[in-house]
C-alpha atoms as a PDB file:
ATOM      1  CA  PRO A   1     -55.747 -42.009 -72.525  1.00  0.00           C
ATOM      2  CA  ARG A   2     -56.896 -42.710 -76.059  1.00  0.00           C
ATOM      3  CA  ILE A   3     -58.169 -39.851 -78.170  1.00  0.00           C
ATOM      4  CA  ARG A   4     -61.855 -39.950 -78.977  1.00  0.00           C
ATOM      5  CA  TYR A   5     -61.921 -39.637 -82.741  1.00  0.00           C
ATOM      6  CA  ASP A   6     -65.481 -38.315 -82.881  1.00  0.00           C
ATOM      7  CA  LYS A   7     -64.588 -35.582 -80.392  1.00  0.00           C
ATOM      8  CA  LEU A   8     -61.377 -34.833 -82.298  1.00  0.00           C
ATOM      9  CA  MET A   9     -63.217 -34.618 -85.619  1.00  0.00           C
ATOM     10  CA  TYR A  10     -65.871 -32.431 -83.985  1.00  0.00           C
ATOM     11  CA  LEU A  11     -63.211 -29.995 -82.769  1.00  0.00           C
ATOM     12  CA  VAL A  12     -61.492 -30.037 -86.167  1.00  0.00           C
ATOM     13  CA  TRP A  13     -64.752 -29.296 -88.003  1.00  0.00           C
ATOM     14  CA  LYS A  14     -65.711 -26.679 -85.436  1.00  0.00           C
ATOM     15  CA  SER A  15     -62.450 -24.799 -86.054  1.00  0.00           C
ATOM     16  CA  TYR A  16     -61.970 -25.645 -89.750  1.00  0.00           C
ATOM     17  CA  LEU A  17     -65.449 -25.023 -91.164  1.00  0.00           C
ATOM     18  CA  PRO A  18     -65.800 -21.303 -90.251  1.00  0.00           C
ATOM     19  CA  ALA A  19     -62.278 -20.635 -91.511  1.00  0.00           C
ATOM     20  CA  SER A  20     -62.974 -22.363 -94.828  1.00  0.00           C
ATOM     21  CA  LEU A  21     -66.293 -20.517 -95.201  1.00  0.00           C
ATOM     22  CA  CYS A  22     -64.572 -17.201 -94.505  1.00  0.00           C
ATOM     23  CA  PHE A  23     -61.856 -18.040 -97.040  1.00  0.00           C
ATOM     24  CA  ILE A  24     -64.452 -18.987 -99.690  1.00  0.00           C
ATOM     25  CA  MET A  25     -66.414 -15.780 -99.107  1.00  0.00           C
ATOM     26  CA  PHE A  26     -63.199 -13.757 -99.293  1.00  0.00           C
ATOM     27  CA  PHE A  27     -62.188 -15.525-102.521  1.00  0.00           C
ATOM     28  CA  LEU A  28     -65.596 -14.931-104.114  1.00  0.00           C
ATOM     29  CA  GLY A  29     -65.558 -11.312-102.980  1.00  0.00           C
ATOM     30  CA  VAL A  30     -62.132 -10.720-104.537  1.00  0.00           C
ATOM     31  CA  LYS A  31     -63.256 -12.471-107.721  1.00  0.00           C
ATOM     32  CA  LEU A  32     -66.383 -10.322-107.985  1.00  0.00           C
ATOM     33  CA  PHE A  33     -64.423  -7.182-107.145  1.00  0.00           C
ATOM     34  CA  LEU A  34     -61.817  -7.889-109.830  1.00  0.00           C
ATOM     35  CA  LEU A  35     -64.507  -8.661-112.395  1.00  0.00           C
END
């Protein structure tokens, strides 16, 4: 069966977006803490 690209992209964004947001918040927090 062929992979549905919209479903694949949806799963990728669903797993990738919260992780990237958490990483950005962590990076900003460290930056503010060091400053």
